Amino acid sequence: MPESSTILLSNNENGDETRVDLGVLEVILGIAAKKVDGVNEMRGSLKSSIDKIFGRSNQGKGVSLTNRNGNLIADVYAYFDYGVNVPKVALELQKQLGLQLEQMTNLKLVETNIHVVGLISEDDKNNTKVEYKEVKN
């Protein structure tokens, strides 16, 4: 079965159903990920960099959701603060994203893959010329 860009939240006997686009769920997870202590920034893309120049923000950047036969799989690409315990922050990130999605939509993540793109030091935070580079997979 091919991957779907929407997922069914609810339906009833009248044939009415509520669906949500995966992009909306990515935004929810992107916002939740930035709130986890130790996460500095999410990985961006060329489009999100251009959007930032024009004052728009893409909250879902750094999160990619896949729906495989009703199973939600999240790939999270994040920059962590230098000096944090990476496994501890990654586990907390997995926990918080799962909780946030379940609280808001009653959906569960069956897999949450954390990709640490880089570490950001205090000097880098204070330097406005830091460039976040895209990692090619």
C-alpha atoms as a PDB file:
ATOM      1  CA  MET A   1       0.000   0.000   0.000  1.00  0.00           C
ATOM      2  CA  PRO A   2       1.480   3.412  -0.932  1.00  0.00           C
ATOM      3  CA  GLU A   3       2.257   6.032   1.665  1.00  0.00           C
ATOM      4  CA  SER A   4      -0.574   8.451   2.383  1.00  0.00           C
ATOM      5  CA  SER A   5      -0.240  12.197   3.013  1.00  0.00           C
ATOM      6  CA  THR A   6      -3.268  12.222   5.336  1.00  0.00           C
ATOM      7  CA  ILE A   7      -4.298  10.046   8.229  1.00  0.00           C
ATOM      8  CA  LEU A   8      -7.755   9.224   9.536  1.00  0.00           C
ATOM      9  CA  LEU A   9      -8.480  10.623  12.998  1.00  0.00           C
ATOM     10  CA  SER A  10     -12.127   9.587  13.328  1.00  0.00           C
ATOM     11  CA  ASN A  11     -15.189   8.489  11.389  1.00  0.00           C
ATOM     12  CA  ASN A  12     -18.806   7.636  12.158  1.00  0.00           C
ATOM     13  CA  GLU A  13     -21.635   5.489  10.823  1.00  0.00           C
ATOM     14  CA  ASN A  14     -22.884   8.352   8.593  1.00  0.00           C
ATOM     15  CA  GLY A  15     -19.715   8.179   6.539  1.00  0.00           C
ATOM     16  CA  ASP A  16     -18.289  11.388   8.002  1.00  0.00           C
ATOM     17  CA  GLU A  17     -14.589  11.283   8.710  1.00  0.00           C
ATOM     18  CA  THR A  18     -11.902  13.563  10.065  1.00  0.00           C
ATOM     19  CA  ARG A  19      -8.514  13.464   8.392  1.00  0.00           C
ATOM     20  CA  VAL A  20      -5.342  15.391   9.156  1.00  0.00           C
ATOM     21  CA  ASP A  21      -2.480  16.140   6.800  1.00  0.00           C
ATOM     22  CA  LEU A  22       0.927  14.830   7.862  1.00  0.00           C
ATOM     23  CA  GLY A  23       2.294  18.366   7.424  1.00  0.00           C
ATOM     24  CA  VAL A  24       0.092  19.539  10.299  1.00  0.00           C
ATOM     25  CA  LEU A  25       1.422  16.759  12.514  1.00  0.00           C
ATOM     26  CA  GLU A  26       4.984  17.701  11.517  1.00  0.00           C
ATOM     27  CA  VAL A  27       4.318  21.253  12.728  1.00  0.00           C
ATOM     28  CA  ILE A  28       3.030  19.935  16.068  1.00  0.00           C
ATOM     29  CA  LEU A  29       6.117  17.762  16.493  1.00  0.00           C
ATOM     30  CA  GLY A  30       8.495  20.513  15.344  1.00  0.00           C
ATOM     31  CA  ILE A  31       7.176  22.927  17.970  1.00  0.00           C
ATOM     32  CA  ALA A  32       7.308  20.237  20.671  1.00  0.00           C
ATOM     33  CA  ALA A  33      10.881  19.292  19.727  1.00  0.00           C
ATOM     34  CA  LYS A  34      12.174  22.851  20.140  1.00  0.00           C
ATOM     35  CA  LYS A  35      10.832  22.902  23.717  1.00  0.00           C
ATOM     36  CA  VAL A  36      12.972  19.960  24.858  1.00  0.00           C
ATOM     37  CA  ASP A  37      15.976  21.041  26.948  1.00  0.00           C
ATOM     38  CA  GLY A  38      19.181  20.430  25.042  1.00  0.00           C
ATOM     39  CA  VAL A  39      17.652  20.905  21.581  1.00  0.00           C
ATOM     40  CA  ASN A  40      19.097  24.068  20.062  1.00  0.00           C
ATOM     41  CA  GLU A  41      17.525  24.182  16.612  1.00  0.00           C
ATOM     42  CA  MET A  42      15.878  21.972  14.054  1.00  0.00           C
ATOM     43  CA  ARG A  43      17.452  21.242  10.687  1.00  0.00           C
ATOM     44  CA  GLY A  44      16.194  23.533   7.992  1.00  0.00           C
ATOM     45  CA  SER A  45      15.989  23.326   4.255  1.00  0.00           C
ATOM     46  CA  LEU A  46      16.638  25.795   1.474  1.00  0.00           C
ATOM     47  CA  LYS A  47      12.930  26.680   1.418  1.00  0.00           C
ATOM     48  CA  SER A  48      12.840  27.330   5.183  1.00  0.00           C
ATOM     49  CA  SER A  49      15.968  29.505   4.892  1.00  0.00           C
ATOM     50  CA  ILE A  50      14.300  31.573   2.170  1.00  0.00           C
ATOM     51  CA  ASP A  51      11.093  31.762   4.220  1.00  0.00           C
ATOM     52  CA  LYS A  52      13.102  33.038   7.199  1.00  0.00           C
ATOM     53  CA  ILE A  53      14.541  35.855   5.058  1.00  0.00           C
ATOM     54  CA  PHE A  54      10.996  36.962   4.212  1.00  0.00           C
ATOM     55  CA  GLY A  55       9.857  36.760   7.832  1.00  0.00           C
ATOM     56  CA  ARG A  56       7.892  33.528   7.537  1.00  0.00           C
ATOM     57  CA  SER A  57       8.677  30.556   9.715  1.00  0.00           C
ATOM     58  CA  ASN A  58       8.272  26.876   9.030  1.00  0.00           C
ATOM     59  CA  GLN A  59       7.613  25.267  12.414  1.00  0.00           C
ATOM     60  CA  GLY A  60       7.730  21.737  11.021  1.00  0.00           C
ATOM     61  CA  LYS A  61      11.249  21.953   9.691  1.00  0.00           C
ATOM     62  CA  GLY A  62      13.438  19.158  10.878  1.00  0.00           C
ATOM     63  CA  VAL A  63      10.574  16.682  11.267  1.00  0.00           C
ATOM     64  CA  SER A  64       9.479  14.235   8.619  1.00  0.00           C
ATOM     65  CA  LEU A  65       6.502  11.928   9.180  1.00  0.00           C
ATOM     66  CA  THR A  66       5.746   8.812   7.206  1.00  0.00           C
ATOM     67  CA  ASN A  67       2.470   6.896   7.287  1.00  0.00           C
ATOM     68  CA  ARG A  68       3.046   3.242   6.466  1.00  0.00           C
ATOM     69  CA  ASN A  69      -0.213   1.315   6.623  1.00  0.00           C
ATOM     70  CA  GLY A  70      -1.476   3.433   9.510  1.00  0.00           C
ATOM     71  CA  ASN A  71       1.831   3.311  11.396  1.00  0.00           C
ATOM     72  CA  LEU A  72       3.375   6.734  11.980  1.00  0.00           C
ATOM     73  CA  ILE A  73       7.152   6.963  11.789  1.00  0.00           C
ATOM     74  CA  ALA A  74       8.933  10.212  12.664  1.00  0.00           C
ATOM     75  CA  ASP A  75      12.408  11.221  11.575  1.00  0.00           C
ATOM     76  CA  VAL A  76      13.657  14.184  13.608  1.00  0.00           C
ATOM     77  CA  TYR A  77      16.754  16.136  12.532  1.00  0.00           C
ATOM     78  CA  ALA A  78      18.046  18.429  15.287  1.00  0.00           C
ATOM     79  CA  TYR A  79      21.045  20.422  16.446  1.00  0.00           C
ATOM     80  CA  PHE A  80      21.797  19.837  20.127  1.00  0.00           C
ATOM     81  CA  ASP A  81      23.486  22.157  22.608  1.00  0.00           C
ATOM     82  CA  TYR A  82      27.189  21.411  23.052  1.00  0.00           C
ATOM     83  CA  GLY A  83      27.909  19.541  26.278  1.00  0.00           C
ATOM     84  CA  VAL A  84      24.528  17.855  26.728  1.00  0.00           C
ATOM     85  CA  ASN A  85      24.151  14.153  27.300  1.00  0.00           C
ATOM     86  CA  VAL A  86      23.117  13.228  23.744  1.00  0.00           C
ATOM     87  CA  PRO A  87      21.422   9.884  24.540  1.00  0.00           C
ATOM     88  CA  LYS A  88      19.474  11.477  27.405  1.00  0.00           C
ATOM     89  CA  VAL A  89      18.253  14.397  25.248  1.00  0.00           C
ATOM     90  CA  ALA A  90      17.383  12.020  22.393  1.00  0.00           C
ATOM     91  CA  LEU A  91      15.326   9.795  24.722  1.00  0.00           C
ATOM     92  CA  GLU A  92      13.532  12.824  26.160  1.00  0.00           C
ATOM     93  CA  LEU A  93      12.837  14.039  22.639  1.00  0.00           C
ATOM     94  CA  GLN A  94      11.326  10.670  21.695  1.00  0.00           C
ATOM     95  CA  LYS A  95       9.209  10.657  24.857  1.00  0.00           C
ATOM     96  CA  GLN A  96       7.933  14.238  24.493  1.00  0.00           C
ATOM     97  CA  LEU A  97       7.079  13.909  20.802  1.00  0.00           C
ATOM     98  CA  GLY A  98       5.123  10.726  21.438  1.00  0.00           C
ATOM     99  CA  LEU A  99       3.233  12.301  24.349  1.00  0.00           C
ATOM    100  CA  GLN A 100       2.464  15.510  22.463  1.00  0.00           C
ATOM    101  CA  LEU A 101       1.097  13.713  19.417  1.00  0.00           C
ATOM    102  CA  GLU A 102      -0.993  11.342  21.506  1.00  0.00           C
ATOM    103  CA  GLN A 103      -2.427  14.168  23.640  1.00  0.00           C
ATOM    104  CA  MET A 104      -3.390  16.283  20.640  1.00  0.00           C
ATOM    105  CA  THR A 105      -4.575  13.648  18.162  1.00  0.00           C
ATOM    106  CA  ASN A 106      -4.808  10.313  19.992  1.00  0.00           C
ATOM    107  CA  LEU A 107      -2.337   8.929  17.437  1.00  0.00           C
ATOM    108  CA  LYS A 108       0.779   7.004  18.388  1.00  0.00           C
ATOM    109  CA  LEU A 109       4.242   7.090  16.914  1.00  0.00           C
ATOM    110  CA  VAL A 110       5.453   3.535  16.351  1.00  0.00           C
ATOM    111  CA  GLU A 111       8.981   4.733  15.661  1.00  0.00           C
ATOM    112  CA  THR A 112      10.841   7.969  16.399  1.00  0.00           C
ATOM    113  CA  ASN A 113      14.279   8.243  14.821  1.00  0.00           C
ATOM    114  CA  ILE A 114      16.461  11.045  16.193  1.00  0.00           C
ATOM    115  CA  HIS A 115      19.205  12.310  13.882  1.00  0.00           C
ATOM    116  CA  VAL A 116      21.699  14.617  15.617  1.00  0.00           C
ATOM    117  CA  VAL A 117      22.811  16.903  12.804  1.00  0.00           C
ATOM    118  CA  GLY A 118      25.312  18.851  14.896  1.00  0.00           C
ATOM    119  CA  LEU A 119      26.226  20.425  18.203  1.00  0.00           C
ATOM    120  CA  ILE A 120      25.992  24.187  18.829  1.00  0.00           C
ATOM    121  CA  SER A 121      28.318  25.809  21.389  1.00  0.00           C
ATOM    122  CA  GLU A 122      27.623  28.981  23.380  1.00  0.00           C
ATOM    123  CA  ASP A 123      30.065  30.854  21.116  1.00  0.00           C
ATOM    124  CA  ASP A 124      28.124  29.709  18.071  1.00  0.00           C
ATOM    125  CA  LYS A 125      24.830  30.841  19.636  1.00  0.00           C
ATOM    126  CA  ASN A 126      26.233  34.337  20.206  1.00  0.00           C
ATOM    127  CA  ASN A 127      27.753  34.559  16.739  1.00  0.00           C
ATOM    128  CA  THR A 128      25.074  35.680  14.298  1.00  0.00           C
ATOM    129  CA  LYS A 129      27.051  34.416  11.312  1.00  0.00           C
ATOM    130  CA  VAL A 130      26.614  30.730  12.155  1.00  0.00           C
ATOM    131  CA  GLU A 131      25.433  28.799   9.131  1.00  0.00           C
ATOM    132  CA  TYR A 132      23.511  25.587   9.589  1.00  0.00           C
ATOM    133  CA  LYS A 133      24.493  23.270   6.782  1.00  0.00           C
ATOM    134  CA  GLU A 134      22.191  20.664   5.320  1.00  0.00           C
ATOM    135  CA  VAL A 135      23.393  17.090   5.808  1.00  0.00           C
ATOM    136  CA  LYS A 136      22.905  14.884   2.791  1.00  0.00           C
ATOM    137  CA  ASN A 137      21.631  11.382   3.507  1.00  0.00           C
END
